[in-house]
Amino acid sequence: MPQVKKADMKEAMLASAFDLFSRKGYAATTLTDIARNAGTTGPNIYVYFPSKLHIVYELYEPWLLRQLDTLAGAVLKLRGPKQRLHRLLIGIWGDIPVADRHFANVLIEALASTPPETRKPRNLLDMVDTFLTDILTLILPQERHRFVSSGVFARILWMAFDGFSINQRLGQTFDLEQSARIMAALILGED
């Protein structure tokens, strides 16, 4: 007889996983831990999720969308390209990496430990590239759009996000303000 999925059980598993991933990280959290914390058994998780990586994506995508939406709101409230760009960079390199006990690191850790032949359940990177390209287009003067329209620059900014996320989790400090000021000046073509 097939297992019947219950929405409340799936939500309990996701809440359990978010808590454990946030506190312990990806590698240190087992499916058994998630199940036990959710009040179910390990094998029951497979009724809802094909793998631990799928659980991460189920959590990470809406979490990241909320982070980016909040950041976009903060950026667009500011006046002038320099202030907006600076806020965007501080957000993606400083605010998001430390949110929810460095939750951003969970996906980085998951992907770093996943075999190369494993396919990602979703392509979040394209979504982030589009978000960053769109907001950069709103921020930058028309004459600077040529530098960001292809999406390549957005990818570079997001790859830096990974490094900032890892280093912040490890407690390695870096002058984010100076980094954002320098990068904003380079993007805007200022001296």
Protein backbone atom coordinates (compact mmCIF):
# COMPACT_ATOMS: atom_id res chain seq x y z
CA MET A 1 0.00 0.00 0.00
CA PRO A 2 1.48 3.40 -0.99
CA GLN A 3 2.39 5.88 1.71
CA VAL A 4 -0.01 8.85 2.00
CA LYS A 5 1.73 12.21 2.18
CA LYS A 6 0.55 14.66 4.80
CA ALA A 7 1.27 18.37 4.44
CA ASP A 8 1.81 18.83 8.17
CA MET A 9 4.42 16.03 8.27
CA LYS A 10 6.29 17.56 5.34
CA GLU A 11 6.26 20.96 7.07
CA ALA A 12 7.48 19.36 10.31
CA MET A 13 10.36 17.77 8.40
CA LEU A 14 11.25 21.07 6.74
CA ALA A 15 11.12 22.95 10.05
CA SER A 16 13.28 20.27 11.62
CA ALA A 17 15.77 20.39 8.75
CA PHE A 18 15.98 24.19 8.82
CA ASP A 19 16.68 24.16 12.55
CA LEU A 20 19.31 21.43 12.32
CA PHE A 21 21.01 22.76 9.19
CA SER A 22 21.17 26.24 10.74
CA ARG A 23 22.68 24.95 13.98
CA LYS A 24 24.84 22.03 12.84
CA GLY A 25 25.42 22.52 9.11
CA TYR A 26 24.70 20.20 6.22
CA ALA A 27 27.26 17.45 6.75
CA ALA A 28 26.64 17.10 10.49
CA THR A 29 22.87 16.78 10.01
CA THR A 30 21.62 13.33 9.08
CA LEU A 31 18.26 12.33 7.67
CA THR A 32 17.72 10.37 10.87
CA ASP A 33 18.31 13.57 12.88
CA ILE A 34 15.77 15.41 10.75
CA ALA A 35 13.20 12.64 11.09
CA ARG A 36 13.68 12.27 14.85
CA ASN A 37 13.42 16.03 15.37
CA ALA A 38 10.21 16.04 13.27
CA GLY A 39 8.69 13.15 15.23
CA THR A 40 8.87 10.53 12.51
CA THR A 41 11.20 7.80 11.25
CA GLY A 42 14.13 8.04 8.86
CA PRO A 43 12.57 5.96 6.09
CA ASN A 44 9.46 8.18 6.16
CA ILE A 45 11.54 11.11 4.87
CA TYR A 46 11.92 9.34 1.51
CA VAL A 47 8.14 9.51 1.06
CA TYR A 48 8.54 13.30 0.86
CA PHE A 49 12.09 13.90 -0.39
CA PRO A 50 14.38 11.83 -2.62
CA SER A 51 17.53 13.06 -0.83
CA LYS A 52 18.98 15.43 1.73
CA LEU A 53 20.00 17.74 -1.12
CA HIS A 54 16.34 18.02 -2.17
CA ILE A 55 15.44 19.09 1.37
CA VAL A 56 18.08 21.80 1.22
CA TYR A 57 16.70 23.15 -2.05
CA GLU A 58 13.14 23.01 -0.73
CA LEU A 59 14.25 25.24 2.15
CA TYR A 60 16.87 27.36 0.45
CA GLU A 61 14.92 28.67 -2.53
CA PRO A 62 12.11 30.41 -0.59
CA TRP A 63 14.61 31.54 2.05
CA LEU A 64 16.85 33.10 -0.59
CA LEU A 65 13.92 34.70 -2.41
CA ARG A 66 12.85 36.37 0.86
CA GLN A 67 16.40 37.59 1.46
CA LEU A 68 16.68 39.01 -2.07
CA ASP A 69 13.24 40.61 -1.90
CA THR A 70 14.12 42.32 1.39
CA LEU A 71 17.42 43.48 -0.06
CA ALA A 72 15.77 44.84 -3.22
CA GLY A 73 13.34 46.84 -1.07
CA ALA A 74 16.19 48.35 0.94
CA VAL A 75 18.23 49.13 -2.18
CA LEU A 76 15.41 50.79 -4.09
CA LYS A 77 14.53 53.07 -1.16
CA LEU A 78 17.89 54.80 -1.54
CA ARG A 79 18.69 57.65 -3.90
CA GLY A 80 21.51 57.64 -6.36
CA PRO A 81 23.40 54.82 -8.02
CA LYS A 82 26.37 54.94 -5.65
CA GLN A 83 24.26 54.49 -2.50
CA ARG A 84 22.07 51.84 -4.10
CA LEU A 85 24.98 49.86 -5.45
CA HIS A 86 26.83 50.05 -2.14
CA ARG A 87 23.73 48.76 -0.30
CA LEU A 88 23.30 45.93 -2.80
CA LEU A 89 26.89 44.79 -2.37
CA ILE A 90 26.72 44.98 1.44
CA GLY A 91 23.51 42.95 1.26
CA ILE A 92 24.83 40.14 -0.91
CA TRP A 93 28.27 39.99 0.69
CA GLY A 94 27.38 40.82 4.29
CA ASP A 95 23.71 40.61 5.25
CA ILE A 96 22.56 37.47 3.45
CA PRO A 97 25.64 35.40 4.39
CA VAL A 98 25.02 35.92 8.13
CA ALA A 99 21.21 35.66 8.11
CA ASP A 100 19.65 32.84 10.11
CA ARG A 101 22.89 31.63 11.65
CA HIS A 102 24.75 31.58 8.33
CA PHE A 103 22.08 29.50 6.59
CA ALA A 104 23.59 30.49 3.20
CA ASN A 105 26.45 28.10 3.94
CA VAL A 106 24.14 25.09 3.97
CA LEU A 107 23.75 25.10 0.20
CA ILE A 108 27.44 25.80 -0.34
CA GLU A 109 28.35 22.88 1.93
CA ALA A 110 25.76 20.62 0.30
CA LEU A 111 26.98 21.34 -3.22
CA ALA A 112 30.65 21.06 -2.25
CA SER A 113 30.04 17.56 -0.89
CA THR A 114 27.75 16.34 -3.67
CA PRO A 115 29.22 14.03 -6.32
CA PRO A 116 29.84 15.88 -9.61
CA GLU A 117 27.40 13.69 -11.53
CA THR A 118 24.50 14.63 -9.23
CA ARG A 119 22.11 17.05 -10.85
CA LYS A 120 20.90 20.05 -8.88
CA PRO A 121 17.17 19.79 -8.12
CA ARG A 122 16.72 23.44 -9.24
CA ASN A 123 18.83 26.02 -10.97
CA LEU A 124 18.95 28.78 -8.37
CA LEU A 125 22.03 30.31 -9.94
CA ASP A 126 20.13 31.42 -13.05
CA MET A 127 17.43 32.92 -10.83
CA VAL A 128 20.04 34.89 -8.87
CA ASP A 129 21.78 36.00 -12.08
CA THR A 130 18.48 37.36 -13.37
CA PHE A 131 17.67 39.10 -10.08
CA LEU A 132 21.09 40.76 -9.86
CA THR A 133 21.14 41.74 -13.53
CA ASP A 134 17.67 43.28 -13.23
CA ILE A 135 18.46 45.24 -10.09
CA LEU A 136 21.83 46.38 -11.44
CA THR A 137 20.02 47.66 -14.53
CA LEU A 138 17.68 49.65 -12.26
CA ILE A 139 20.59 51.03 -10.24
CA LEU A 140 23.14 51.92 -12.89
CA PRO A 141 23.07 54.82 -15.32
CA GLN A 142 22.10 53.81 -18.86
CA GLU A 143 25.68 54.15 -20.14
CA ARG A 144 26.87 51.47 -17.65
CA HIS A 145 24.23 48.86 -18.61
CA ARG A 146 26.53 47.31 -21.20
CA PHE A 147 28.72 45.98 -18.36
CA VAL A 148 25.89 44.10 -16.66
CA SER A 149 23.36 43.20 -19.35
CA SER A 150 24.88 39.82 -20.24
CA GLY A 151 24.53 38.47 -16.71
CA VAL A 152 28.23 37.66 -16.46
CA PHE A 153 28.87 40.40 -13.92
CA ALA A 154 25.95 39.18 -11.80
CA ARG A 155 27.53 35.72 -11.76
CA ILE A 156 30.85 37.19 -10.61
CA LEU A 157 29.13 39.07 -7.76
CA TRP A 158 27.33 35.92 -6.67
CA MET A 159 30.47 33.79 -6.81
CA ALA A 160 32.04 36.33 -4.45
CA PHE A 161 28.96 35.79 -2.22
CA ASP A 162 30.08 32.18 -1.72
CA GLY A 163 33.51 33.27 -0.53
CA PHE A 164 32.16 35.97 1.77
CA SER A 165 29.62 33.48 3.18
CA ILE A 166 32.23 30.87 3.99
CA ASN A 167 34.67 33.35 5.50
CA GLN A 168 32.02 35.02 7.65
CA ARG A 169 30.88 31.67 9.00
CA LEU A 170 34.49 30.90 9.90
CA GLY A 171 34.78 34.24 11.67
CA GLN A 172 37.31 35.66 9.22
CA THR A 173 36.63 39.34 9.00
CA PHE A 174 37.09 41.39 5.90
CA ASP A 175 36.37 45.06 5.36
CA LEU A 176 33.02 44.80 3.56
CA GLU A 177 32.53 48.56 3.52
CA GLN A 178 35.81 49.13 1.71
CA SER A 179 35.14 46.22 -0.66
CA ALA A 180 31.70 47.61 -1.53
CA ARG A 181 33.07 51.16 -2.02
CA ILE A 182 35.84 49.96 -4.33
CA MET A 183 33.54 47.70 -6.33
CA ALA A 184 30.88 50.41 -6.65
CA ALA A 185 33.50 52.87 -7.91
CA LEU A 186 34.75 50.34 -10.46
CA ILE A 187 31.22 49.55 -11.69
CA LEU A 188 30.25 53.20 -11.89
CA GLY A 189 33.52 54.16 -13.58
CA GLU A 190 34.52 56.57 -10.84
CA ASP A 191 37.97 57.38 -9.54
